[in-house]
């Protein structure tokens, strides 16, 4: 809980406005109560104020801002904006209006796009695909990013690894099989986010089943190429590869397997070559290593929108809102 409390304190230091569109979900409302009570963020709840409050009369939600799409004064401007953004796909005014009125995800992202909110958290009752579709159609990607990916912050009991037991794993949730260019972009975005959330220098390892040419395969070649691309695009980042996991995080093995690398054995950011290895890796660490896993946290969007597991609890939502608020602070910086 020490790490999460630190994130909450940072969020409280510069309050951001986060929109929660899934107000028919009791977990979302319970989380909103806790967030407002702890003053972690300002909140916008999408929906009718009386309906929302009557569905959970035991919760204190008065300090939230309630916006009902059909009575929003800016609705016409949001429709116009949405049509302009998607005109190349043939989106009609009628279709845009229907989506904004009937799908709270689209309305919530519109609030972020127009800077009425600084970020959004959803996914308790919507799929990842639905959350990302709305986000990409209205927000798009950051100017300096070519792909939307994700990461987990992993807190492992053995504090000898990573940054006092904190490591960032990417990508474990979104990009199935990134090419070398995409993998390099994921590595650079992940390094920046490690700095944002942990406040320490990122040390990035590009993972493979090979260490510095110990195996030959096209999959290894991809990681080698991605390493070169990332190093050329962001030479200021401590980044190297290709590494097997032990060579990336265990100093003695790193020195043995990659004696000429400046970061071998010291990594705190682990970039997996594909989604299979990333997803398996974080779940193995979580379940067998008793690690805390925070995520998936989205990176690469023009503004922070984060997806929840549909099996989440209210405390999970509180944590993701705090993380999203910190991303929003960084976005403004």
C-alpha atoms as a PDB file:
ATOM      1  CA  UNK A   1       0.000   0.000   0.000  1.00  0.00           C
ATOM      2  CA  UNK A   2       2.989   2.315   0.347  1.00  0.00           C
ATOM      3  CA  UNK A   3       3.303   2.783  -3.406  1.00  0.00           C
ATOM      4  CA  UNK A   4      -0.396   3.446  -3.922  1.00  0.00           C
ATOM      5  CA  UNK A   5      -0.469   5.930  -1.061  1.00  0.00           C
ATOM      6  CA  UNK A   6       2.409   7.770  -2.700  1.00  0.00           C
ATOM      7  CA  UNK A   7       0.467   7.929  -5.977  1.00  0.00           C
ATOM      8  CA  UNK A   8      -2.604   9.213  -4.119  1.00  0.00           C
ATOM      9  CA  UNK A   9      -0.580  11.919  -2.383  1.00  0.00           C
ATOM     10  CA  UNK A  10       0.833  13.070  -5.714  1.00  0.00           C
ATOM     11  CA  UNK A  11      -2.673  13.137  -7.176  1.00  0.00           C
ATOM     12  CA  UNK A  12      -3.922  15.202  -4.231  1.00  0.00           C
ATOM     13  CA  UNK A  13      -1.137  17.749  -4.657  1.00  0.00           C
ATOM     14  CA  UNK A  14      -2.575  18.986  -7.970  1.00  0.00           C
ATOM     15  CA  UNK A  15      -6.186  17.884  -8.363  1.00  0.00           C
ATOM     16  CA  UNK A  16      -7.220  16.742 -11.822  1.00  0.00           C
ATOM     17  CA  UNK A  17     -10.730  16.243 -13.151  1.00  0.00           C
ATOM     18  CA  UNK A  18     -11.509  12.659 -14.118  1.00  0.00           C
ATOM     19  CA  UNK A  19     -14.712  11.574 -15.846  1.00  0.00           C
ATOM     20  CA  UNK A  20     -16.434   8.337 -14.833  1.00  0.00           C
ATOM     21  CA  UNK A  21     -18.996   7.428 -17.522  1.00  0.00           C
ATOM     22  CA  UNK A  22     -20.210   4.089 -16.117  1.00  0.00           C
ATOM     23  CA  UNK A  23     -22.568   5.471 -13.492  1.00  0.00           C
ATOM     24  CA  UNK A  24     -25.027   2.574 -13.697  1.00  0.00           C
ATOM     25  CA  UNK A  25     -22.366   0.422 -12.017  1.00  0.00           C
ATOM     26  CA  UNK A  26     -22.419   0.419  -8.212  1.00  0.00           C
ATOM     27  CA  UNK A  27     -18.653  -0.221  -8.003  1.00  0.00           C
ATOM     28  CA  UNK A  28     -18.044   2.982  -9.938  1.00  0.00           C
ATOM     29  CA  UNK A  29     -20.255   4.943  -7.557  1.00  0.00           C
ATOM     30  CA  UNK A  30     -18.597   3.382  -4.508  1.00  0.00           C
ATOM     31  CA  UNK A  31     -15.232   4.373  -5.953  1.00  0.00           C
ATOM     32  CA  UNK A  32     -16.508   7.901  -6.626  1.00  0.00           C
ATOM     33  CA  UNK A  33     -17.547   8.192  -2.963  1.00  0.00           C
ATOM     34  CA  UNK A  34     -14.038   7.158  -1.826  1.00  0.00           C
ATOM     35  CA  UNK A  35     -12.266   9.418  -4.334  1.00  0.00           C
ATOM     36  CA  UNK A  36     -14.289  12.453  -3.307  1.00  0.00           C
ATOM     37  CA  UNK A  37     -13.922  11.634   0.373  1.00  0.00           C
ATOM     38  CA  UNK A  38     -10.132  11.268   0.085  1.00  0.00           C
ATOM     39  CA  UNK A  39      -9.925  14.255  -2.311  1.00  0.00           C
ATOM     40  CA  UNK A  40      -7.872  12.307  -4.845  1.00  0.00           C
ATOM     41  CA  UNK A  41      -9.496  13.983  -7.872  1.00  0.00           C
ATOM     42  CA  UNK A  42     -12.397  16.088  -8.996  1.00  0.00           C
ATOM     43  CA  UNK A  43     -15.023  13.921 -10.682  1.00  0.00           C
ATOM     44  CA  UNK A  44     -17.509  14.236 -13.508  1.00  0.00           C
ATOM     45  CA  UNK A  45     -20.252  11.600 -13.409  1.00  0.00           C
ATOM     46  CA  UNK A  46     -22.093  11.096 -16.705  1.00  0.00           C
ATOM     47  CA  UNK A  47     -25.847  10.730 -16.251  1.00  0.00           C
ATOM     48  CA  UNK A  48     -28.876  12.142 -14.486  1.00  0.00           C
ATOM     49  CA  UNK A  49     -27.979  13.421 -11.020  1.00  0.00           C
ATOM     50  CA  UNK A  50     -31.173  12.276  -9.310  1.00  0.00           C
ATOM     51  CA  UNK A  51     -31.083   8.838 -10.900  1.00  0.00           C
ATOM     52  CA  UNK A  52     -27.456   8.322  -9.912  1.00  0.00           C
ATOM     53  CA  UNK A  53     -27.946   9.510  -6.328  1.00  0.00           C
ATOM     54  CA  UNK A  54     -31.150   7.528  -5.866  1.00  0.00           C
ATOM     55  CA  UNK A  55     -29.397   4.344  -6.999  1.00  0.00           C
ATOM     56  CA  UNK A  56     -26.903   4.700  -4.141  1.00  0.00           C
ATOM     57  CA  UNK A  57     -28.433   6.903  -1.425  1.00  0.00           C
ATOM     58  CA  UNK A  58     -25.879   5.728   1.131  1.00  0.00           C
ATOM     59  CA  UNK A  59     -23.010   7.228  -0.852  1.00  0.00           C
ATOM     60  CA  UNK A  60     -21.848  10.845  -0.678  1.00  0.00           C
ATOM     61  CA  UNK A  61     -21.600  12.110  -4.252  1.00  0.00           C
ATOM     62  CA  UNK A  62     -22.703  15.745  -3.914  1.00  0.00           C
ATOM     63  CA  UNK A  63     -19.234  17.125  -4.636  1.00  0.00           C
ATOM     64  CA  UNK A  64     -19.143  15.495  -8.062  1.00  0.00           C
ATOM     65  CA  UNK A  65     -20.148  17.313 -11.236  1.00  0.00           C
ATOM     66  CA  UNK A  66     -23.094  15.608 -12.940  1.00  0.00           C
ATOM     67  CA  UNK A  67     -23.555  15.977 -16.695  1.00  0.00           C
ATOM     68  CA  UNK A  68     -26.506  14.468 -18.518  1.00  0.00           C
ATOM     69  CA  UNK A  69     -25.611  14.331 -22.243  1.00  0.00           C
ATOM     70  CA  UNK A  70     -29.036  15.267 -23.600  1.00  0.00           C
ATOM     71  CA  UNK A  71     -29.131  18.439 -21.490  1.00  0.00           C
ATOM     72  CA  UNK A  72     -25.496  19.420 -21.999  1.00  0.00           C
ATOM     73  CA  UNK A  73     -25.181  22.945 -23.456  1.00  0.00           C
ATOM     74  CA  UNK A  74     -22.097  21.891 -25.426  1.00  0.00           C
ATOM     75  CA  UNK A  75     -23.668  18.815 -27.037  1.00  0.00           C
ATOM     76  CA  UNK A  76     -23.999  20.405 -30.490  1.00  0.00           C
ATOM     77  CA  UNK A  77     -20.347  21.454 -30.460  1.00  0.00           C
ATOM     78  CA  UNK A  78     -19.320  17.929 -29.441  1.00  0.00           C
ATOM     79  CA  UNK A  79     -21.344  16.507 -32.337  1.00  0.00           C
ATOM     80  CA  UNK A  80     -19.693  18.951 -34.739  1.00  0.00           C
ATOM     81  CA  UNK A  81     -16.242  18.072 -33.398  1.00  0.00           C
ATOM     82  CA  UNK A  82     -16.876  14.333 -33.658  1.00  0.00           C
ATOM     83  CA  UNK A  83     -18.115  14.633 -37.254  1.00  0.00           C
ATOM     84  CA  UNK A  84     -15.042  16.667 -38.184  1.00  0.00           C
ATOM     85  CA  UNK A  85     -12.713  14.108 -36.597  1.00  0.00           C
ATOM     86  CA  UNK A  86     -14.382  11.172 -38.370  1.00  0.00           C
ATOM     87  CA  UNK A  87     -15.474  12.717 -41.659  1.00  0.00           C
ATOM     88  CA  UNK A  88     -12.822  10.690 -43.488  1.00  0.00           C
ATOM     89  CA  UNK A  89     -14.714   7.604 -42.277  1.00  0.00           C
ATOM     90  CA  UNK A  90     -18.065   8.976 -43.384  1.00  0.00           C
ATOM     91  CA  UNK A  91     -19.519   9.619 -39.925  1.00  0.00           C
ATOM     92  CA  UNK A  92     -22.840  11.454 -40.243  1.00  0.00           C
ATOM     93  CA  UNK A  93     -24.155  14.072 -37.842  1.00  0.00           C
ATOM     94  CA  UNK A  94     -27.012  11.750 -36.917  1.00  0.00           C
ATOM     95  CA  UNK A  95     -24.678   8.850 -36.070  1.00  0.00           C
ATOM     96  CA  UNK A  96     -22.360  11.117 -34.094  1.00  0.00           C
ATOM     97  CA  UNK A  97     -25.260  12.482 -32.064  1.00  0.00           C
ATOM     98  CA  UNK A  98     -26.602   8.998 -31.330  1.00  0.00           C
ATOM     99  CA  UNK A  99     -23.201   7.804 -30.102  1.00  0.00           C
ATOM    100  CA  UNK A 100     -22.716  10.829 -27.863  1.00  0.00           C
ATOM    101  CA  UNK A 101     -26.215  10.599 -26.431  1.00  0.00           C
ATOM    102  CA  UNK A 102     -26.492   6.848 -26.016  1.00  0.00           C
ATOM    103  CA  UNK A 103     -22.926   5.695 -25.349  1.00  0.00           C
ATOM    104  CA  UNK A 104     -21.424   7.343 -22.236  1.00  0.00           C
ATOM    105  CA  UNK A 105     -17.916   6.282 -23.323  1.00  0.00           C
ATOM    106  CA  UNK A 106     -18.035   8.595 -26.332  1.00  0.00           C
ATOM    107  CA  UNK A 107     -19.496  11.457 -24.334  1.00  0.00           C
ATOM    108  CA  UNK A 108     -16.848  10.978 -21.639  1.00  0.00           C
ATOM    109  CA  UNK A 109     -14.006  11.032 -24.152  1.00  0.00           C
ATOM    110  CA  UNK A 110     -15.509  14.160 -25.734  1.00  0.00           C
ATOM    111  CA  UNK A 111     -15.226  15.853 -22.331  1.00  0.00           C
ATOM    112  CA  UNK A 112     -11.541  14.919 -22.241  1.00  0.00           C
ATOM    113  CA  UNK A 113     -10.973  16.057 -25.837  1.00  0.00           C
ATOM    114  CA  UNK A 114     -12.466  19.487 -25.091  1.00  0.00           C
ATOM    115  CA  UNK A 115     -10.532  19.718 -21.805  1.00  0.00           C
ATOM    116  CA  UNK A 116     -13.636  19.731 -19.622  1.00  0.00           C
ATOM    117  CA  UNK A 117     -11.962  16.713 -18.008  1.00  0.00           C
ATOM    118  CA  UNK A 118      -8.299  15.778 -17.753  1.00  0.00           C
ATOM    119  CA  UNK A 119      -8.791  12.022 -18.117  1.00  0.00           C
ATOM    120  CA  UNK A 120     -11.297   9.185 -18.075  1.00  0.00           C
ATOM    121  CA  UNK A 121     -11.547   5.787 -16.405  1.00  0.00           C
ATOM    122  CA  UNK A 122     -13.942   3.116 -17.701  1.00  0.00           C
ATOM    123  CA  UNK A 123     -14.190  -0.593 -18.415  1.00  0.00           C
ATOM    124  CA  UNK A 124     -16.023  -1.927 -15.374  1.00  0.00           C
ATOM    125  CA  UNK A 125     -18.998  -2.752 -17.627  1.00  0.00           C
ATOM    126  CA  UNK A 126     -17.460  -2.183 -21.074  1.00  0.00           C
ATOM    127  CA  UNK A 127     -14.873  -4.181 -22.967  1.00  0.00           C
ATOM    128  CA  UNK A 128     -11.334  -2.945 -23.537  1.00  0.00           C
ATOM    129  CA  UNK A 129     -12.106  -2.768 -27.266  1.00  0.00           C
ATOM    130  CA  UNK A 130     -15.074  -0.476 -26.637  1.00  0.00           C
ATOM    131  CA  UNK A 131     -13.111   1.860 -24.347  1.00  0.00           C
ATOM    132  CA  UNK A 132     -10.196   2.101 -26.778  1.00  0.00           C
ATOM    133  CA  UNK A 133     -12.424   2.516 -29.840  1.00  0.00           C
ATOM    134  CA  UNK A 134     -14.059   5.606 -28.361  1.00  0.00           C
ATOM    135  CA  UNK A 135     -10.684   6.943 -27.222  1.00  0.00           C
ATOM    136  CA  UNK A 136      -8.939   6.472 -30.557  1.00  0.00           C
ATOM    137  CA  UNK A 137     -11.817   7.888 -32.604  1.00  0.00           C
ATOM    138  CA  UNK A 138     -11.995  11.110 -30.604  1.00  0.00           C
ATOM    139  CA  UNK A 139      -8.589  11.566 -28.945  1.00  0.00           C
ATOM    140  CA  UNK A 140      -6.164   9.741 -31.211  1.00  0.00           C
ATOM    141  CA  UNK A 141      -2.520   9.211 -30.312  1.00  0.00           C
ATOM    142  CA  UNK A 142       0.058  11.588 -28.887  1.00  0.00           C
ATOM    143  CA  UNK A 143       2.080  13.544 -31.425  1.00  0.00           C
ATOM    144  CA  UNK A 144       5.285  11.827 -30.366  1.00  0.00           C
ATOM    145  CA  UNK A 145       3.793   8.325 -30.202  1.00  0.00           C
ATOM    146  CA  UNK A 146       2.903   5.979 -33.026  1.00  0.00           C
ATOM    147  CA  UNK A 147       1.023   3.313 -31.111  1.00  0.00           C
ATOM    148  CA  UNK A 148      -1.293   2.880 -28.139  1.00  0.00           C
ATOM    149  CA  UNK A 149       0.039   0.258 -25.760  1.00  0.00           C
ATOM    150  CA  UNK A 150      -0.150  -0.536 -22.064  1.00  0.00           C
ATOM    151  CA  UNK A 151       1.952  -1.323 -19.046  1.00  0.00           C
ATOM    152  CA  UNK A 152       1.726  -2.777 -15.571  1.00  0.00           C
ATOM    153  CA  UNK A 153       3.540  -1.474 -12.542  1.00  0.00           C
ATOM    154  CA  UNK A 154       4.677  -4.544 -10.625  1.00  0.00           C
ATOM    155  CA  UNK A 155       5.643  -4.435  -6.954  1.00  0.00           C
ATOM    156  CA  UNK A 156       7.578  -7.570  -6.086  1.00  0.00           C
ATOM    157  CA  UNK A 157       8.368  -8.651  -2.514  1.00  0.00           C
ATOM    158  CA  UNK A 158      12.051  -9.126  -3.340  1.00  0.00           C
ATOM    159  CA  UNK A 159      13.271  -5.545  -3.289  1.00  0.00           C
ATOM    160  CA  UNK A 160      16.606  -6.518  -4.803  1.00  0.00           C
ATOM    161  CA  UNK A 161      14.957  -6.377  -8.219  1.00  0.00           C
ATOM    162  CA  UNK A 162      14.044  -3.272 -10.175  1.00  0.00           C
ATOM    163  CA  UNK A 163      13.770   0.005  -8.314  1.00  0.00           C
ATOM    164  CA  UNK A 164      13.427  -1.221  -4.724  1.00  0.00           C
ATOM    165  CA  UNK A 165      11.032  -3.918  -5.919  1.00  0.00           C
ATOM    166  CA  UNK A 166       9.166  -1.785  -8.480  1.00  0.00           C
ATOM    167  CA  UNK A 167       9.291  -2.798 -12.143  1.00  0.00           C
ATOM    168  CA  UNK A 168       7.342  -1.752 -15.212  1.00  0.00           C
ATOM    169  CA  UNK A 169       6.219  -4.500 -17.628  1.00  0.00           C
ATOM    170  CA  UNK A 170       5.095  -3.683 -21.186  1.00  0.00           C
ATOM    171  CA  UNK A 171       3.135  -4.536 -23.266  1.00  0.00           C
ATOM    172  CA  UNK A 172       0.999  -7.053 -21.413  1.00  0.00           C
ATOM    173  CA  UNK A 173      -2.523  -6.189 -22.545  1.00  0.00           C
ATOM    174  CA  UNK A 174      -2.933  -4.551 -25.955  1.00  0.00           C
ATOM    175  CA  UNK A 175      -0.455  -5.005 -28.807  1.00  0.00           C
ATOM    176  CA  UNK A 176      -0.454  -8.600 -30.006  1.00  0.00           C
ATOM    177  CA  UNK A 177       2.748  -8.805 -32.015  1.00  0.00           C
ATOM    178  CA  UNK A 178       4.487  -5.430 -32.392  1.00  0.00           C
ATOM    179  CA  UNK A 179       6.980  -4.956 -35.194  1.00  0.00           C
ATOM    180  CA  UNK A 180      10.412  -3.519 -34.448  1.00  0.00           C
ATOM    181  CA  UNK A 181       9.319   0.103 -34.891  1.00  0.00           C
ATOM    182  CA  UNK A 182       6.297  -0.404 -32.645  1.00  0.00           C
ATOM    183  CA  UNK A 183       8.351  -2.230 -30.032  1.00  0.00           C
ATOM    184  CA  UNK A 184      10.804   0.671 -29.937  1.00  0.00           C
ATOM    185  CA  UNK A 185       7.927   3.114 -29.437  1.00  0.00           C
ATOM    186  CA  UNK A 186       6.529   0.970 -26.609  1.00  0.00           C
ATOM    187  CA  UNK A 187       9.948   0.981 -24.943  1.00  0.00           C
ATOM    188  CA  UNK A 188      10.316   4.764 -25.131  1.00  0.00           C
ATOM    189  CA  UNK A 189       6.781   5.429 -23.858  1.00  0.00           C
ATOM    190  CA  UNK A 190       7.321   2.931 -21.031  1.00  0.00           C
ATOM    191  CA  UNK A 191      10.541   4.626 -19.970  1.00  0.00           C
ATOM    192  CA  UNK A 192       8.779   7.992 -19.760  1.00  0.00           C
ATOM    193  CA  UNK A 193       5.978   6.504 -17.693  1.00  0.00           C
ATOM    194  CA  UNK A 194       8.378   4.849 -15.274  1.00  0.00           C
ATOM    195  CA  UNK A 195       9.845   8.285 -14.655  1.00  0.00           C
ATOM    196  CA  UNK A 196       6.335   9.718 -14.181  1.00  0.00           C
ATOM    197  CA  UNK A 197       5.048   7.124 -11.749  1.00  0.00           C
ATOM    198  CA  UNK A 198       8.162   6.042  -9.877  1.00  0.00           C
ATOM    199  CA  UNK A 199      10.202   9.220 -10.092  1.00  0.00           C
ATOM    200  CA  UNK A 200      13.442   7.350 -10.785  1.00  0.00           C
ATOM    201  CA  UNK A 201      15.626   6.885 -13.841  1.00  0.00           C
ATOM    202  CA  UNK A 202      14.237   4.193 -16.145  1.00  0.00           C
ATOM    203  CA  UNK A 203      16.636   1.393 -17.083  1.00  0.00           C
ATOM    204  CA  UNK A 204      15.082  -0.437 -20.009  1.00  0.00           C
ATOM    205  CA  UNK A 205      15.730  -4.037 -21.056  1.00  0.00           C
ATOM    206  CA  UNK A 206      14.458  -5.375 -24.378  1.00  0.00           C
ATOM    207  CA  UNK A 207      13.592  -8.981 -23.569  1.00  0.00           C
ATOM    208  CA  UNK A 208      14.082 -12.077 -25.698  1.00  0.00           C
ATOM    209  CA  UNK A 209      14.943 -15.771 -25.366  1.00  0.00           C
ATOM    210  CA  UNK A 210      18.424 -14.688 -26.429  1.00  0.00           C
ATOM    211  CA  UNK A 211      21.110 -12.582 -24.766  1.00  0.00           C
ATOM    212  CA  UNK A 212      23.422 -10.653 -27.092  1.00  0.00           C
ATOM    213  CA  UNK A 213      23.330 -13.144 -29.933  1.00  0.00           C
ATOM    214  CA  UNK A 214      23.167 -16.376 -27.920  1.00  0.00           C
ATOM    215  CA  UNK A 215      20.346 -17.565 -30.214  1.00  0.00           C
ATOM    216  CA  UNK A 216      19.522 -16.931 -33.864  1.00  0.00           C
ATOM    217  CA  UNK A 217      15.916 -16.490 -34.973  1.00  0.00           C
ATOM    218  CA  UNK A 218      13.754 -13.868 -36.730  1.00  0.00           C
ATOM    219  CA  UNK A 219      12.075 -13.168 -33.371  1.00  0.00           C
ATOM    220  CA  UNK A 220      15.466 -12.278 -31.925  1.00  0.00           C
ATOM    221  CA  UNK A 221      16.256 -10.128 -34.941  1.00  0.00           C
ATOM    222  CA  UNK A 222      13.100  -8.097 -34.278  1.00  0.00           C
ATOM    223  CA  UNK A 223      14.208  -7.296 -30.735  1.00  0.00           C
ATOM    224  CA  UNK A 224      17.722  -6.399 -31.892  1.00  0.00           C
ATOM    225  CA  UNK A 225      16.305  -4.029 -34.514  1.00  0.00           C
ATOM    226  CA  UNK A 226      13.861  -2.519 -32.018  1.00  0.00           C
ATOM    227  CA  UNK A 227      16.740  -1.894 -29.614  1.00  0.00           C
ATOM    228  CA  UNK A 228      18.714  -0.020 -32.277  1.00  0.00           C
ATOM    229  CA  UNK A 229      15.680   2.062 -33.264  1.00  0.00           C
ATOM    230  CA  UNK A 230      14.885   3.003 -29.657  1.00  0.00           C
ATOM    231  CA  UNK A 231      18.517   3.893 -28.957  1.00  0.00           C
ATOM    232  CA  UNK A 232      18.627   6.164 -32.010  1.00  0.00           C
ATOM    233  CA  UNK A 233      15.286   7.845 -31.233  1.00  0.00           C
ATOM    234  CA  UNK A 234      15.952   8.325 -27.512  1.00  0.00           C
ATOM    235  CA  UNK A 235      19.699   8.154 -26.837  1.00  0.00           C
ATOM    236  CA  UNK A 236      19.170   9.779 -23.433  1.00  0.00           C
ATOM    237  CA  UNK A 237      17.379   6.668 -22.137  1.00  0.00           C
ATOM    238  CA  UNK A 238      19.427   3.871 -20.554  1.00  0.00           C
ATOM    239  CA  UNK A 239      18.244   1.080 -22.848  1.00  0.00           C
ATOM    240  CA  UNK A 240      19.823  -2.103 -24.175  1.00  0.00           C
ATOM    241  CA  UNK A 241      19.037  -5.588 -25.433  1.00  0.00           C
ATOM    242  CA  UNK A 242      18.456  -8.230 -26.411  1.00  0.00           C
ATOM    243  CA  UNK A 243      18.383  -9.865 -22.961  1.00  0.00           C
ATOM    244  CA  UNK A 244      16.993 -12.982 -21.382  1.00  0.00           C
ATOM    245  CA  UNK A 245      15.082 -12.092 -18.226  1.00  0.00           C
ATOM    246  CA  UNK A 246      17.792 -13.198 -15.794  1.00  0.00           C
ATOM    247  CA  UNK A 247      20.425 -11.208 -17.660  1.00  0.00           C
ATOM    248  CA  UNK A 248      18.156  -8.168 -17.473  1.00  0.00           C
ATOM    249  CA  UNK A 249      17.495  -8.109 -13.715  1.00  0.00           C
ATOM    250  CA  UNK A 250      20.154 -10.197 -11.914  1.00  0.00           C
ATOM    251  CA  UNK A 251      23.466  -8.289 -11.702  1.00  0.00           C
ATOM    252  CA  UNK A 252      25.755 -11.321 -11.521  1.00  0.00           C
ATOM    253  CA  UNK A 253      24.096 -13.003 -14.496  1.00  0.00           C
ATOM    254  CA  UNK A 254      23.982  -9.751 -16.436  1.00  0.00           C
ATOM    255  CA  UNK A 255      27.725  -9.302 -16.000  1.00  0.00           C
ATOM    256  CA  UNK A 256      28.350 -12.886 -17.036  1.00  0.00           C
ATOM    257  CA  UNK A 257      26.074 -12.990 -20.103  1.00  0.00           C
ATOM    258  CA  UNK A 258      26.454  -9.378 -21.271  1.00  0.00           C
ATOM    259  CA  UNK A 259      29.728  -8.055 -19.846  1.00  0.00           C
ATOM    260  CA  UNK A 260      29.868  -5.104 -22.229  1.00  0.00           C
ATOM    261  CA  UNK A 261      26.386  -3.797 -21.449  1.00  0.00           C
ATOM    262  CA  UNK A 262      26.080  -0.854 -19.087  1.00  0.00           C
ATOM    263  CA  UNK A 263      22.629  -1.863 -17.867  1.00  0.00           C
ATOM    264  CA  UNK A 264      22.646  -5.669 -17.821  1.00  0.00           C
ATOM    265  CA  UNK A 265      21.280  -6.955 -14.518  1.00  0.00           C
ATOM    266  CA  UNK A 266      19.991  -3.525 -13.468  1.00  0.00           C
ATOM    267  CA  UNK A 267      16.754  -3.138 -15.453  1.00  0.00           C
ATOM    268  CA  UNK A 268      13.585  -1.739 -13.918  1.00  0.00           C
ATOM    269  CA  UNK A 269      11.598  -1.514 -17.185  1.00  0.00           C
ATOM    270  CA  UNK A 270      11.015  -4.803 -19.008  1.00  0.00           C
ATOM    271  CA  UNK A 271       9.810  -4.727 -22.624  1.00  0.00           C
ATOM    272  CA  UNK A 272       8.356  -8.025 -23.794  1.00  0.00           C
ATOM    273  CA  UNK A 273       8.609  -8.993 -27.472  1.00  0.00           C
ATOM    274  CA  UNK A 274       4.913  -9.847 -27.848  1.00  0.00           C
ATOM    275  CA  UNK A 275       1.618  -9.931 -25.990  1.00  0.00           C
ATOM    276  CA  UNK A 276       1.804 -13.644 -25.175  1.00  0.00           C
ATOM    277  CA  UNK A 277       5.076 -13.333 -23.289  1.00  0.00           C
ATOM    278  CA  UNK A 278       4.050 -10.055 -21.635  1.00  0.00           C
ATOM    279  CA  UNK A 279       0.692 -11.291 -20.408  1.00  0.00           C
ATOM    280  CA  UNK A 280       2.101 -14.597 -19.187  1.00  0.00           C
ATOM    281  CA  UNK A 281       5.046 -12.825 -17.577  1.00  0.00           C
ATOM    282  CA  UNK A 282       3.036 -10.385 -15.505  1.00  0.00           C
ATOM    283  CA  UNK A 283       0.575 -13.044 -14.358  1.00  0.00           C
ATOM    284  CA  UNK A 284       3.373 -15.428 -13.360  1.00  0.00           C
ATOM    285  CA  UNK A 285       5.015 -12.632 -11.383  1.00  0.00           C
ATOM    286  CA  UNK A 286       1.704 -11.708  -9.761  1.00  0.00           C
ATOM    287  CA  UNK A 287       0.575 -15.226  -8.858  1.00  0.00           C
ATOM    288  CA  UNK A 288       3.801 -17.141  -8.173  1.00  0.00           C
ATOM    289  CA  UNK A 289       5.861 -14.170  -7.029  1.00  0.00           C
ATOM    290  CA  UNK A 290       3.104 -12.628  -4.870  1.00  0.00           C
ATOM    291  CA  UNK A 291       3.571  -9.309  -6.636  1.00  0.00           C
ATOM    292  CA  UNK A 292       1.098  -6.447  -6.647  1.00  0.00           C
ATOM    293  CA  UNK A 293       0.065  -5.561 -10.208  1.00  0.00           C
ATOM    294  CA  UNK A 294      -1.272  -2.105 -11.080  1.00  0.00           C
ATOM    295  CA  UNK A 295      -2.698  -1.878 -14.577  1.00  0.00           C
ATOM    296  CA  UNK A 296      -3.077  -2.197 -17.414  1.00  0.00           C
ATOM    297  CA  UNK A 297      -2.359   1.500 -17.746  1.00  0.00           C
ATOM    298  CA  UNK A 298      -2.736   2.897 -21.248  1.00  0.00           C
ATOM    299  CA  UNK A 299       0.048   4.863 -22.911  1.00  0.00           C
ATOM    300  CA  UNK A 300       0.256   6.614 -26.259  1.00  0.00           C
ATOM    301  CA  UNK A 301      -3.166   8.303 -26.274  1.00  0.00           C
ATOM    302  CA  UNK A 302      -3.330  12.082 -26.652  1.00  0.00           C
ATOM    303  CA  UNK A 303      -4.858  12.291 -23.153  1.00  0.00           C
ATOM    304  CA  UNK A 304      -5.174   9.768 -20.315  1.00  0.00           C
ATOM    305  CA  UNK A 305      -7.938   7.188 -20.680  1.00  0.00           C
ATOM    306  CA  UNK A 306      -7.554   3.988 -18.704  1.00  0.00           C
ATOM    307  CA  UNK A 307      -9.374   0.702 -18.942  1.00  0.00           C
ATOM    308  CA  UNK A 308     -10.600  -1.395 -16.021  1.00  0.00           C
ATOM    309  CA  UNK A 309     -11.063  -5.123 -15.699  1.00  0.00           C
ATOM    310  CA  UNK A 310     -14.737  -6.061 -15.682  1.00  0.00           C
ATOM    311  CA  UNK A 311     -13.920  -8.055 -12.543  1.00  0.00           C
ATOM    312  CA  UNK A 312     -12.616  -4.994 -10.724  1.00  0.00           C
ATOM    313  CA  UNK A 313     -13.671  -3.855  -7.267  1.00  0.00           C
ATOM    314  CA  UNK A 314     -14.240  -0.274  -6.147  1.00  0.00           C
ATOM    315  CA  UNK A 315     -10.733  -0.022  -4.676  1.00  0.00           C
ATOM    316  CA  UNK A 316      -9.278  -0.995  -8.068  1.00  0.00           C
ATOM    317  CA  UNK A 317     -11.176   1.895  -9.639  1.00  0.00           C
ATOM    318  CA  UNK A 318      -9.872   4.296  -6.976  1.00  0.00           C
ATOM    319  CA  UNK A 319      -6.309   3.179  -7.743  1.00  0.00           C
ATOM    320  CA  UNK A 320      -6.717   3.613 -11.501  1.00  0.00           C
ATOM    321  CA  UNK A 321      -8.250   7.063 -11.040  1.00  0.00           C
ATOM    322  CA  UNK A 322      -5.234   8.086  -8.936  1.00  0.00           C
ATOM    323  CA  UNK A 323      -2.869   6.766 -11.606  1.00  0.00           C
ATOM    324  CA  UNK A 324      -4.848   8.521 -14.334  1.00  0.00           C
ATOM    325  CA  UNK A 325      -4.705  11.782 -12.408  1.00  0.00           C
ATOM    326  CA  UNK A 326      -0.935  11.485 -12.204  1.00  0.00           C
ATOM    327  CA  UNK A 327      -0.764  10.894 -15.970  1.00  0.00           C
ATOM    328  CA  UNK A 328      -2.901  13.998 -16.473  1.00  0.00           C
ATOM    329  CA  UNK A 329      -0.528  16.043 -14.336  1.00  0.00           C
ATOM    330  CA  UNK A 330       2.363  14.859 -16.473  1.00  0.00           C
ATOM    331  CA  UNK A 331       0.421  15.609 -19.670  1.00  0.00           C
ATOM    332  CA  UNK A 332       0.111  19.235 -18.618  1.00  0.00           C
ATOM    333  CA  UNK A 333       3.739  19.422 -17.601  1.00  0.00           C
END
